Amino acid sequence: MKKLLFVFGLSFFLISTATAQKKKEVVIQKTNYNPLVKSLETTLGTLYLSLSGDKKEKRDWDLFQFLFKEEAKLITTGVDYEGKLQAKYMTPAEYVKASKSWMLKNGFHEKEIHRIVHTFGDITQVFSTFEAYHSENDKEPFAKGINSIQLMFDGNRWWIINLLWTNESETKPIPAEFLQKDDDY
């Protein structure tokens, strides 16, 4: 009898897990994000757009996470309370959890102002200079910095492998070569 109950319980668990997974796949398939990752240009544009929005404007975090390869990392650098440079590593899901409330409360628009691209084979490194605003109507950014974005093209789509960024500061201004504003972005 115990064996029968175990088999029944295990079967129920496996069926319910498979059903939940199938429902998740159906939801993902309803929103076709694939055209947004077919080119380097659309992938980078989607990255910036997925993060940007006014106060109380919800982001499409599923789209944001769709941009990243499964083991991808988002890495921010900054100086800690002792003045030492540190790096904080996050998965896309951890980034969403850490940033979502702040973005809804404050508004956040990240705009690319300059890009330097280096490609070899199926890998690309992008240095993308950005300005951050609370609202699209703001005249001055509250932050500037550089995103170092490593991407891979698998023959069908672009994947973000890592996104490393640092903000400008008084002691670390962005060099002029990274500040040439481009009208295309």
N, C-alpha and C. Protein backbone atom coordinates (compact mmCIF):
# COMPACT_ATOMS: atom_id res chain seq x y z
N MET A 1 0.82 -1.19 0.00
CA MET A 1 0.00 0.00 0.00
C MET A 1 0.87 1.27 0.00
N LYS A 2 1.93 1.24 0.85
CA LYS A 2 2.83 2.40 0.89
C LYS A 2 3.48 2.63 -0.47
N LYS A 3 3.84 1.52 -1.13
CA LYS A 3 4.47 1.62 -2.43
C LYS A 3 3.49 2.23 -3.44
N LEU A 4 2.24 1.83 -3.38
CA LEU A 4 1.21 2.36 -4.27
C LEU A 4 0.99 3.85 -4.03
N LEU A 5 0.95 4.27 -2.76
CA LEU A 5 0.80 5.69 -2.43
C LEU A 5 1.99 6.50 -2.92
N PHE A 6 3.19 5.93 -2.76
CA PHE A 6 4.40 6.61 -3.23
C PHE A 6 4.35 6.82 -4.75
N VAL A 7 4.01 5.74 -5.47
CA VAL A 7 3.93 5.82 -6.93
C VAL A 7 2.86 6.83 -7.34
N PHE A 8 1.70 6.81 -6.67
CA PHE A 8 0.64 7.77 -6.98
C PHE A 8 1.12 9.20 -6.72
N GLY A 9 1.77 9.42 -5.57
CA GLY A 9 2.28 10.76 -5.22
C GLY A 9 3.32 11.24 -6.21
N LEU A 10 4.24 10.34 -6.57
CA LEU A 10 5.27 10.70 -7.53
C LEU A 10 4.66 11.01 -8.89
N SER A 11 3.70 10.21 -9.32
CA SER A 11 3.03 10.46 -10.61
C SER A 11 2.32 11.80 -10.60
N PHE A 12 1.60 12.08 -9.51
CA PHE A 12 0.90 13.36 -9.40
C PHE A 12 1.88 14.52 -9.47
N PHE A 13 3.01 14.41 -8.75
CA PHE A 13 4.03 15.46 -8.76
C PHE A 13 4.59 15.67 -10.17
N LEU A 14 4.93 14.57 -10.85
CA LEU A 14 5.51 14.68 -12.18
C LEU A 14 4.52 15.27 -13.18
N ILE A 15 3.26 14.86 -13.09
CA ILE A 15 2.23 15.39 -14.00
C ILE A 15 2.00 16.87 -13.74
N SER A 16 1.90 17.27 -12.46
CA SER A 16 1.66 18.68 -12.16
C SER A 16 2.87 19.54 -12.54
N THR A 17 4.09 19.02 -12.35
CA THR A 17 5.29 19.75 -12.75
C THR A 17 5.33 19.92 -14.27
N ALA A 18 5.03 18.85 -14.99
CA ALA A 18 5.02 18.92 -16.46
C ALA A 18 3.95 19.88 -16.95
N THR A 19 2.79 19.88 -16.31
CA THR A 19 1.70 20.79 -16.69
C THR A 19 2.11 22.23 -16.44
N ALA A 20 2.73 22.50 -15.29
CA ALA A 20 3.18 23.86 -14.98
C ALA A 20 4.23 24.32 -15.98
N GLN A 21 5.16 23.43 -16.33
CA GLN A 21 6.19 23.77 -17.31
C GLN A 21 5.57 24.05 -18.67
N LYS A 22 4.59 23.25 -19.07
CA LYS A 22 3.92 23.44 -20.35
C LYS A 22 3.21 24.79 -20.38
N LYS A 23 2.52 25.15 -19.27
CA LYS A 23 1.85 26.45 -19.20
C LYS A 23 2.85 27.58 -19.34
N LYS A 24 4.02 27.44 -18.69
CA LYS A 24 5.05 28.46 -18.78
C LYS A 24 5.53 28.60 -20.23
N GLU A 25 5.74 27.47 -20.92
CA GLU A 25 6.18 27.51 -22.31
C GLU A 25 5.13 28.18 -23.19
N VAL A 26 3.86 27.92 -22.94
CA VAL A 26 2.78 28.52 -23.73
C VAL A 26 2.79 30.03 -23.56
N VAL A 27 2.97 30.50 -22.32
CA VAL A 27 3.02 31.95 -22.06
C VAL A 27 4.19 32.57 -22.81
N ILE A 28 5.36 31.93 -22.75
CA ILE A 28 6.54 32.46 -23.43
C ILE A 28 6.32 32.47 -24.94
N GLN A 29 5.70 31.42 -25.48
CA GLN A 29 5.48 31.34 -26.91
C GLN A 29 4.47 32.37 -27.40
N LYS A 30 3.55 32.81 -26.54
CA LYS A 30 2.56 33.81 -26.95
C LYS A 30 3.22 35.15 -27.26
N THR A 31 4.29 35.46 -26.57
CA THR A 31 5.02 36.69 -26.83
C THR A 31 6.28 36.31 -27.60
N ASN A 32 6.32 36.63 -28.86
CA ASN A 32 7.46 36.27 -29.70
C ASN A 32 8.51 37.38 -29.66
N TYR A 33 9.52 37.18 -28.84
CA TYR A 33 10.60 38.16 -28.71
C TYR A 33 11.71 37.94 -29.74
N ASN A 34 11.65 36.84 -30.49
CA ASN A 34 12.74 36.50 -31.39
C ASN A 34 13.14 37.60 -32.37
N PRO A 35 12.21 38.36 -32.97
CA PRO A 35 12.65 39.43 -33.88
C PRO A 35 13.51 40.50 -33.20
N LEU A 36 13.41 40.59 -31.88
CA LEU A 36 14.14 41.62 -31.14
C LEU A 36 15.59 41.25 -30.88
N VAL A 37 15.98 40.01 -31.22
CA VAL A 37 17.36 39.57 -30.98
C VAL A 37 18.02 39.03 -32.26
N LYS A 38 17.46 39.38 -33.41
CA LYS A 38 17.98 38.90 -34.69
C LYS A 38 19.23 39.66 -35.14
N SER A 39 19.35 40.92 -34.71
CA SER A 39 20.52 41.71 -35.08
C SER A 39 21.15 42.30 -33.81
N LEU A 40 22.39 42.69 -33.93
CA LEU A 40 23.06 43.34 -32.80
C LEU A 40 22.34 44.63 -32.45
N GLU A 41 21.95 45.38 -33.46
CA GLU A 41 21.27 46.66 -33.25
C GLU A 41 19.96 46.49 -32.47
N THR A 42 19.13 45.52 -32.89
CA THR A 42 17.86 45.35 -32.19
C THR A 42 18.06 44.79 -30.78
N THR A 43 19.07 43.96 -30.59
CA THR A 43 19.34 43.41 -29.26
C THR A 43 19.75 44.51 -28.30
N LEU A 44 20.65 45.38 -28.72
CA LEU A 44 21.10 46.47 -27.85
C LEU A 44 19.97 47.47 -27.61
N GLY A 45 19.23 47.79 -28.66
CA GLY A 45 18.09 48.70 -28.49
C GLY A 45 17.06 48.14 -27.53
N THR A 46 16.80 46.84 -27.62
CA THR A 46 15.84 46.19 -26.73
C THR A 46 16.34 46.21 -25.29
N LEU A 47 17.63 46.04 -25.10
CA LEU A 47 18.19 46.12 -23.75
C LEU A 47 17.86 47.46 -23.12
N TYR A 48 18.17 48.55 -23.80
CA TYR A 48 17.92 49.88 -23.26
C TYR A 48 16.43 50.15 -23.08
N LEU A 49 15.62 49.75 -24.05
CA LEU A 49 14.18 50.00 -23.95
C LEU A 49 13.53 49.18 -22.84
N SER A 50 14.01 47.96 -22.63
CA SER A 50 13.39 47.12 -21.60
C SER A 50 13.63 47.66 -20.19
N LEU A 51 14.69 48.42 -20.01
CA LEU A 51 15.00 49.01 -18.70
C LEU A 51 14.29 50.34 -18.48
N SER A 52 13.93 51.00 -19.55
CA SER A 52 13.48 52.39 -19.48
C SER A 52 11.98 52.52 -19.29
N GLY A 53 11.62 53.49 -18.42
CA GLY A 53 10.22 53.79 -18.20
C GLY A 53 10.06 54.86 -17.14
N ASP A 54 8.91 55.51 -17.14
CA ASP A 54 8.62 56.54 -16.15
C ASP A 54 8.25 55.92 -14.81
N LYS A 55 8.06 56.77 -13.81
CA LYS A 55 7.59 56.32 -12.51
C LYS A 55 6.30 55.53 -12.69
N LYS A 56 6.17 54.46 -11.95
CA LYS A 56 4.99 53.59 -11.94
C LYS A 56 4.74 52.86 -13.26
N GLU A 57 5.66 53.00 -14.22
CA GLU A 57 5.52 52.30 -15.50
C GLU A 57 6.21 50.94 -15.40
N LYS A 58 5.42 49.88 -15.53
CA LYS A 58 5.97 48.53 -15.42
C LYS A 58 6.84 48.20 -16.63
N ARG A 59 7.90 47.45 -16.37
CA ARG A 59 8.80 46.99 -17.43
C ARG A 59 8.40 45.58 -17.83
N ASP A 60 8.81 45.18 -19.01
CA ASP A 60 8.62 43.80 -19.45
C ASP A 60 9.87 43.02 -19.04
N TRP A 61 9.86 42.55 -17.80
CA TRP A 61 11.04 41.87 -17.27
C TRP A 61 11.28 40.52 -17.94
N ASP A 62 10.23 39.90 -18.47
CA ASP A 62 10.43 38.66 -19.23
C ASP A 62 11.26 38.95 -20.48
N LEU A 63 10.96 40.06 -21.13
CA LEU A 63 11.74 40.46 -22.30
C LEU A 63 13.18 40.74 -21.90
N PHE A 64 13.38 41.48 -20.81
CA PHE A 64 14.73 41.78 -20.34
C PHE A 64 15.52 40.49 -20.13
N GLN A 65 14.93 39.52 -19.44
CA GLN A 65 15.63 38.27 -19.14
C GLN A 65 15.84 37.41 -20.39
N PHE A 66 14.95 37.55 -21.40
CA PHE A 66 15.08 36.83 -22.65
C PHE A 66 16.36 37.20 -23.40
N LEU A 67 16.89 38.38 -23.16
CA LEU A 67 18.10 38.85 -23.84
C LEU A 67 19.36 38.10 -23.42
N PHE A 68 19.34 37.49 -22.24
CA PHE A 68 20.54 36.94 -21.62
C PHE A 68 20.63 35.42 -21.76
N LYS A 69 21.84 34.93 -22.01
CA LYS A 69 22.12 33.50 -21.99
C LYS A 69 21.92 33.01 -20.55
N GLU A 70 21.63 31.75 -20.41
CA GLU A 70 21.24 31.19 -19.11
C GLU A 70 22.23 31.51 -17.98
N GLU A 71 23.51 31.42 -18.21
CA GLU A 71 24.52 31.64 -17.16
C GLU A 71 25.06 33.08 -17.16
N ALA A 72 24.40 33.99 -17.83
CA ALA A 72 24.87 35.37 -17.95
C ALA A 72 24.96 36.06 -16.60
N LYS A 73 25.83 37.02 -16.53
CA LYS A 73 26.00 37.82 -15.31
C LYS A 73 25.88 39.30 -15.64
N LEU A 74 25.30 40.04 -14.71
CA LEU A 74 25.31 41.49 -14.73
C LEU A 74 26.23 41.90 -13.59
N ILE A 75 27.19 42.75 -13.89
CA ILE A 75 28.23 43.07 -12.93
C ILE A 75 28.37 44.59 -12.85
N THR A 76 28.17 45.12 -11.66
CA THR A 76 28.39 46.55 -11.46
C THR A 76 29.64 46.74 -10.61
N THR A 77 30.35 47.81 -10.89
CA THR A 77 31.54 48.11 -10.10
C THR A 77 31.34 49.45 -9.40
N GLY A 78 31.97 49.57 -8.28
CA GLY A 78 31.89 50.81 -7.52
C GLY A 78 32.80 50.73 -6.31
N VAL A 79 32.94 51.84 -5.67
CA VAL A 79 33.80 51.93 -4.50
C VAL A 79 32.97 51.66 -3.25
N ASP A 80 33.48 50.80 -2.37
CA ASP A 80 32.77 50.50 -1.13
C ASP A 80 33.07 51.55 -0.06
N TYR A 81 32.56 51.33 1.13
CA TYR A 81 32.72 52.31 2.22
C TYR A 81 34.17 52.50 2.66
N GLU A 82 35.02 51.56 2.33
CA GLU A 82 36.45 51.68 2.66
C GLU A 82 37.26 52.26 1.51
N GLY A 83 36.59 52.62 0.41
CA GLY A 83 37.28 53.21 -0.72
C GLY A 83 37.88 52.19 -1.68
N LYS A 84 37.54 50.91 -1.52
CA LYS A 84 38.08 49.86 -2.38
C LYS A 84 37.09 49.56 -3.52
N LEU A 85 37.64 49.37 -4.70
CA LEU A 85 36.82 49.03 -5.85
C LEU A 85 36.29 47.61 -5.68
N GLN A 86 34.99 47.46 -5.86
CA GLN A 86 34.33 46.16 -5.72
C GLN A 86 33.51 45.86 -6.97
N ALA A 87 33.22 44.60 -7.17
CA ALA A 87 32.32 44.16 -8.24
C ALA A 87 31.19 43.37 -7.60
N LYS A 88 29.97 43.66 -8.04
CA LYS A 88 28.80 42.93 -7.55
C LYS A 88 28.24 42.14 -8.73
N TYR A 89 28.14 40.81 -8.58
CA TYR A 89 27.68 39.91 -9.63
C TYR A 89 26.23 39.54 -9.39
N MET A 90 25.42 39.60 -10.45
CA MET A 90 24.00 39.25 -10.35
C MET A 90 23.58 38.46 -11.58
N THR A 91 22.62 37.59 -11.40
CA THR A 91 21.94 36.98 -12.55
C THR A 91 20.92 38.01 -13.04
N PRO A 92 20.40 37.84 -14.24
CA PRO A 92 19.33 38.75 -14.68
C PRO A 92 18.15 38.78 -13.69
N ALA A 93 17.77 37.63 -13.15
CA ALA A 93 16.65 37.58 -12.19
C ALA A 93 16.99 38.35 -10.92
N GLU A 94 18.23 38.25 -10.45
CA GLU A 94 18.64 38.99 -9.25
C GLU A 94 18.66 40.49 -9.52
N TYR A 95 19.08 40.88 -10.72
CA TYR A 95 19.05 42.29 -11.09
C TYR A 95 17.63 42.83 -11.06
N VAL A 96 16.71 42.08 -11.64
CA VAL A 96 15.30 42.49 -11.66
C VAL A 96 14.80 42.67 -10.23
N LYS A 97 15.06 41.70 -9.39
CA LYS A 97 14.60 41.76 -7.99
C LYS A 97 15.18 42.98 -7.27
N ALA A 98 16.44 43.28 -7.53
CA ALA A 98 17.11 44.40 -6.85
C ALA A 98 16.69 45.76 -7.41
N SER A 99 16.31 45.84 -8.67
CA SER A 99 16.08 47.13 -9.34
C SER A 99 14.61 47.50 -9.56
N LYS A 100 13.75 46.53 -9.64
CA LYS A 100 12.36 46.73 -10.04
C LYS A 100 11.64 47.80 -9.22
N SER A 101 11.69 47.70 -7.91
CA SER A 101 10.98 48.66 -7.05
C SER A 101 11.54 50.07 -7.20
N TRP A 102 12.87 50.18 -7.25
CA TRP A 102 13.50 51.49 -7.37
C TRP A 102 13.08 52.15 -8.68
N MET A 103 13.08 51.38 -9.77
CA MET A 103 12.71 51.95 -11.07
C MET A 103 11.25 52.40 -11.10
N LEU A 104 10.36 51.63 -10.48
CA LEU A 104 8.95 52.02 -10.42
C LEU A 104 8.76 53.29 -9.59
N LYS A 105 9.53 53.40 -8.52
CA LYS A 105 9.40 54.55 -7.61
C LYS A 105 10.01 55.82 -8.20
N ASN A 106 11.15 55.70 -8.88
CA ASN A 106 11.91 56.87 -9.31
C ASN A 106 11.86 57.18 -10.80
N GLY A 107 11.47 56.21 -11.60
CA GLY A 107 11.58 56.37 -13.04
C GLY A 107 13.02 56.17 -13.46
N PHE A 108 13.22 55.57 -14.61
CA PHE A 108 14.58 55.31 -15.08
C PHE A 108 14.55 55.17 -16.59
N HIS A 109 15.29 56.04 -17.26
CA HIS A 109 15.47 55.98 -18.71
C HIS A 109 16.97 55.97 -18.97
N GLU A 110 17.44 54.87 -19.53
CA GLU A 110 18.85 54.77 -19.88
C GLU A 110 18.97 54.93 -21.39
N LYS A 111 19.78 55.90 -21.80
CA LYS A 111 19.93 56.21 -23.23
C LYS A 111 21.38 56.05 -23.64
N GLU A 112 21.57 55.32 -24.72
CA GLU A 112 22.91 55.16 -25.27
C GLU A 112 23.28 56.41 -26.05
N ILE A 113 24.49 56.95 -25.80
CA ILE A 113 24.92 58.14 -26.53
C ILE A 113 26.12 57.88 -27.43
N HIS A 114 26.80 56.74 -27.22
CA HIS A 114 27.94 56.40 -28.06
C HIS A 114 28.21 54.91 -27.94
N ARG A 115 28.71 54.34 -29.04
CA ARG A 115 28.97 52.90 -29.05
C ARG A 115 30.26 52.61 -29.80
N ILE A 116 31.07 51.73 -29.23
CA ILE A 116 32.26 51.20 -29.91
C ILE A 116 32.10 49.68 -29.93
N VAL A 117 32.16 49.10 -31.14
CA VAL A 117 31.90 47.68 -31.31
C VAL A 117 33.14 46.98 -31.88
N HIS A 118 33.49 45.85 -31.28
CA HIS A 118 34.55 44.99 -31.80
C HIS A 118 33.98 43.58 -31.91
N THR A 119 34.11 42.99 -33.11
CA THR A 119 33.58 41.66 -33.35
C THR A 119 34.67 40.76 -33.90
N PHE A 120 34.67 39.53 -33.42
CA PHE A 120 35.54 38.49 -33.96
C PHE A 120 34.70 37.22 -34.02
N GLY A 121 34.50 36.70 -35.23
CA GLY A 121 33.71 35.49 -35.38
C GLY A 121 32.30 35.68 -34.84
N ASP A 122 31.95 34.87 -33.86
CA ASP A 122 30.59 34.92 -33.31
C ASP A 122 30.50 35.67 -31.99
N ILE A 123 31.57 36.37 -31.60
CA ILE A 123 31.53 37.14 -30.34
C ILE A 123 31.72 38.62 -30.63
N THR A 124 31.08 39.42 -29.80
CA THR A 124 31.16 40.87 -29.94
C THR A 124 31.30 41.51 -28.57
N GLN A 125 32.14 42.53 -28.51
CA GLN A 125 32.32 43.34 -27.32
C GLN A 125 31.86 44.75 -27.66
N VAL A 126 30.93 45.29 -26.86
CA VAL A 126 30.42 46.63 -27.10
C VAL A 126 30.72 47.50 -25.88
N PHE A 127 31.35 48.64 -26.11
CA PHE A 127 31.46 49.68 -25.09
C PHE A 127 30.37 50.68 -25.42
N SER A 128 29.38 50.76 -24.56
CA SER A 128 28.20 51.58 -24.81
C SER A 128 28.10 52.65 -23.72
N THR A 129 28.35 53.90 -24.10
CA THR A 129 28.25 55.00 -23.15
C THR A 129 26.78 55.36 -22.98
N PHE A 130 26.38 55.54 -21.72
CA PHE A 130 24.97 55.84 -21.45
C PHE A 130 24.80 57.06 -20.57
N GLU A 131 23.61 57.61 -20.65
CA GLU A 131 23.14 58.64 -19.72
C GLU A 131 21.84 58.11 -19.13
N ALA A 132 21.63 58.37 -17.84
CA ALA A 132 20.42 57.91 -17.15
C ALA A 132 19.60 59.10 -16.66
N TYR A 133 18.31 59.02 -16.91
CA TYR A 133 17.36 60.08 -16.53
C TYR A 133 16.22 59.45 -15.74
N HIS A 134 15.59 60.25 -14.88
CA HIS A 134 14.39 59.77 -14.18
C HIS A 134 13.17 59.85 -15.09
N SER A 135 13.18 60.82 -16.02
CA SER A 135 12.06 61.01 -16.94
C SER A 135 12.63 61.37 -18.31
N GLU A 136 11.91 61.04 -19.35
CA GLU A 136 12.35 61.42 -20.69
C GLU A 136 12.39 62.93 -20.86
N ASN A 137 11.66 63.66 -20.03
CA ASN A 137 11.61 65.12 -20.12
C ASN A 137 12.76 65.81 -19.39
N ASP A 138 13.54 65.06 -18.61
CA ASP A 138 14.66 65.65 -17.88
C ASP A 138 15.69 66.19 -18.87
N LYS A 139 16.24 67.35 -18.54
CA LYS A 139 17.25 67.97 -19.41
C LYS A 139 18.66 67.46 -19.11
N GLU A 140 18.92 67.12 -17.85
CA GLU A 140 20.25 66.67 -17.45
C GLU A 140 20.16 65.26 -16.86
N PRO A 141 21.11 64.39 -17.20
CA PRO A 141 21.10 63.05 -16.63
C PRO A 141 21.50 63.08 -15.16
N PHE A 142 20.99 62.13 -14.38
CA PHE A 142 21.41 62.00 -12.99
C PHE A 142 22.64 61.09 -12.88
N ALA A 143 22.94 60.36 -13.95
CA ALA A 143 24.13 59.49 -13.97
C ALA A 143 24.59 59.28 -15.40
N LYS A 144 25.88 59.02 -15.54
CA LYS A 144 26.49 58.65 -16.82
C LYS A 144 27.43 57.50 -16.53
N GLY A 145 27.68 56.71 -17.54
CA GLY A 145 28.61 55.60 -17.36
C GLY A 145 28.85 54.86 -18.65
N ILE A 146 29.50 53.73 -18.51
CA ILE A 146 29.79 52.89 -19.66
C ILE A 146 29.37 51.46 -19.34
N ASN A 147 28.61 50.89 -20.28
CA ASN A 147 28.26 49.47 -20.25
C ASN A 147 29.25 48.74 -21.14
N SER A 148 29.86 47.70 -20.60
CA SER A 148 30.68 46.80 -21.39
C SER A 148 29.84 45.54 -21.59
N ILE A 149 29.40 45.32 -22.82
CA ILE A 149 28.44 44.25 -23.09
C ILE A 149 29.12 43.20 -23.98
N GLN A 150 29.18 41.98 -23.48
CA GLN A 150 29.73 40.88 -24.27
C GLN A 150 28.55 40.06 -24.80
N LEU A 151 28.55 39.83 -26.11
CA LEU A 151 27.46 39.13 -26.76
C LEU A 151 27.98 37.98 -27.62
N MET A 152 27.08 37.05 -27.91
CA MET A 152 27.39 35.92 -28.76
C MET A 152 26.24 35.75 -29.76
N PHE A 153 26.60 35.49 -31.02
CA PHE A 153 25.59 35.18 -32.03
C PHE A 153 25.65 33.69 -32.31
N ASP A 154 24.54 32.98 -32.09
CA ASP A 154 24.54 31.52 -32.24
C ASP A 154 24.08 31.05 -33.62
N GLY A 155 24.00 31.97 -34.57
CA GLY A 155 23.53 31.64 -35.91
C GLY A 155 22.07 31.99 -36.12
N ASN A 156 21.33 32.13 -35.01
CA ASN A 156 19.91 32.49 -35.08
C ASN A 156 19.59 33.78 -34.34
N ARG A 157 20.29 34.02 -33.26
CA ARG A 157 19.97 35.19 -32.44
C ARG A 157 21.21 35.62 -31.65
N TRP A 158 21.13 36.85 -31.12
CA TRP A 158 22.17 37.39 -30.26
C TRP A 158 21.81 37.11 -28.81
N TRP A 159 22.81 36.75 -28.02
CA TRP A 159 22.66 36.54 -26.58
C TRP A 159 23.62 37.47 -25.85
N ILE A 160 23.14 38.09 -24.79
CA ILE A 160 24.06 38.83 -23.91
C ILE A 160 24.66 37.80 -22.96
N ILE A 161 25.97 37.75 -22.94
CA ILE A 161 26.70 36.81 -22.09
C ILE A 161 27.03 37.46 -20.75
N ASN A 162 27.51 38.71 -20.81
CA ASN A 162 27.81 39.48 -19.61
C ASN A 162 27.55 40.95 -19.88
N LEU A 163 27.16 41.64 -18.83
CA LEU A 163 26.95 43.08 -18.88
C LEU A 163 27.65 43.66 -17.66
N LEU A 164 28.76 44.35 -17.90
CA LEU A 164 29.57 44.96 -16.85
C LEU A 164 29.47 46.46 -17.01
N TRP A 165 29.19 47.19 -15.91
CA TRP A 165 29.08 48.63 -16.04
C TRP A 165 29.68 49.35 -14.85
N THR A 166 30.01 50.60 -15.11
CA THR A 166 30.49 51.48 -14.07
C THR A 166 30.01 52.89 -14.38
N ASN A 167 29.76 53.64 -13.34
CA ASN A 167 29.30 55.02 -13.50
C ASN A 167 30.45 56.00 -13.45
N GLU A 168 30.26 57.11 -14.10
CA GLU A 168 31.21 58.21 -14.06
C GLU A 168 31.19 58.82 -12.66
N SER A 169 32.34 59.33 -12.24
CA SER A 169 32.43 60.07 -10.97
C SER A 169 33.38 61.24 -11.16
N GLU A 170 33.49 62.08 -10.14
CA GLU A 170 34.42 63.21 -10.23
C GLU A 170 35.85 62.73 -10.42
N THR A 171 36.20 61.64 -9.78
CA THR A 171 37.57 61.13 -9.88
C THR A 171 37.75 60.19 -11.07
N LYS A 172 36.65 59.82 -11.72
CA LYS A 172 36.70 58.91 -12.85
C LYS A 172 35.78 59.41 -13.96
N PRO A 173 36.16 60.52 -14.62
CA PRO A 173 35.32 61.05 -15.71
C PRO A 173 35.43 60.15 -16.95
N ILE A 174 34.38 60.15 -17.75
CA ILE A 174 34.38 59.37 -18.98
C ILE A 174 35.31 60.05 -19.98
N PRO A 175 36.25 59.31 -20.57
CA PRO A 175 37.16 59.91 -21.55
C PRO A 175 36.40 60.43 -22.78
N ALA A 176 36.94 61.46 -23.40
CA ALA A 176 36.30 62.12 -24.55
C ALA A 176 35.97 61.14 -25.67
N GLU A 177 36.83 60.14 -25.90
CA GLU A 177 36.58 59.18 -26.98
C GLU A 177 35.27 58.39 -26.79
N PHE A 178 34.77 58.32 -25.55
CA PHE A 178 33.53 57.61 -25.26
C PHE A 178 32.33 58.54 -25.12
N LEU A 179 32.54 59.84 -25.37
CA LEU A 179 31.46 60.82 -25.21
C LEU A 179 30.97 61.43 -26.51
N GLN A 180 31.47 60.98 -27.62
CA GLN A 180 31.01 61.51 -28.91
C GLN A 180 29.56 61.10 -29.09
N LYS A 181 28.65 62.06 -28.97
CA LYS A 181 27.23 61.74 -29.10
C LYS A 181 26.92 61.36 -30.53
N ASP A 182 26.21 60.25 -30.68
CA ASP A 182 25.82 59.74 -31.99
C ASP A 182 24.33 59.95 -32.16
N ASP A 183 23.92 60.51 -33.26
CA ASP A 183 22.50 60.74 -33.54
C ASP A 183 21.75 59.43 -33.80
N ASP A 184 22.47 58.37 -34.12
CA ASP A 184 21.82 57.10 -34.45
C ASP A 184 21.27 56.36 -33.24
N TYR A 185 21.66 56.75 -32.03
CA TYR A 185 21.24 55.99 -30.86
C TYR A 185 20.20 56.74 -30.15
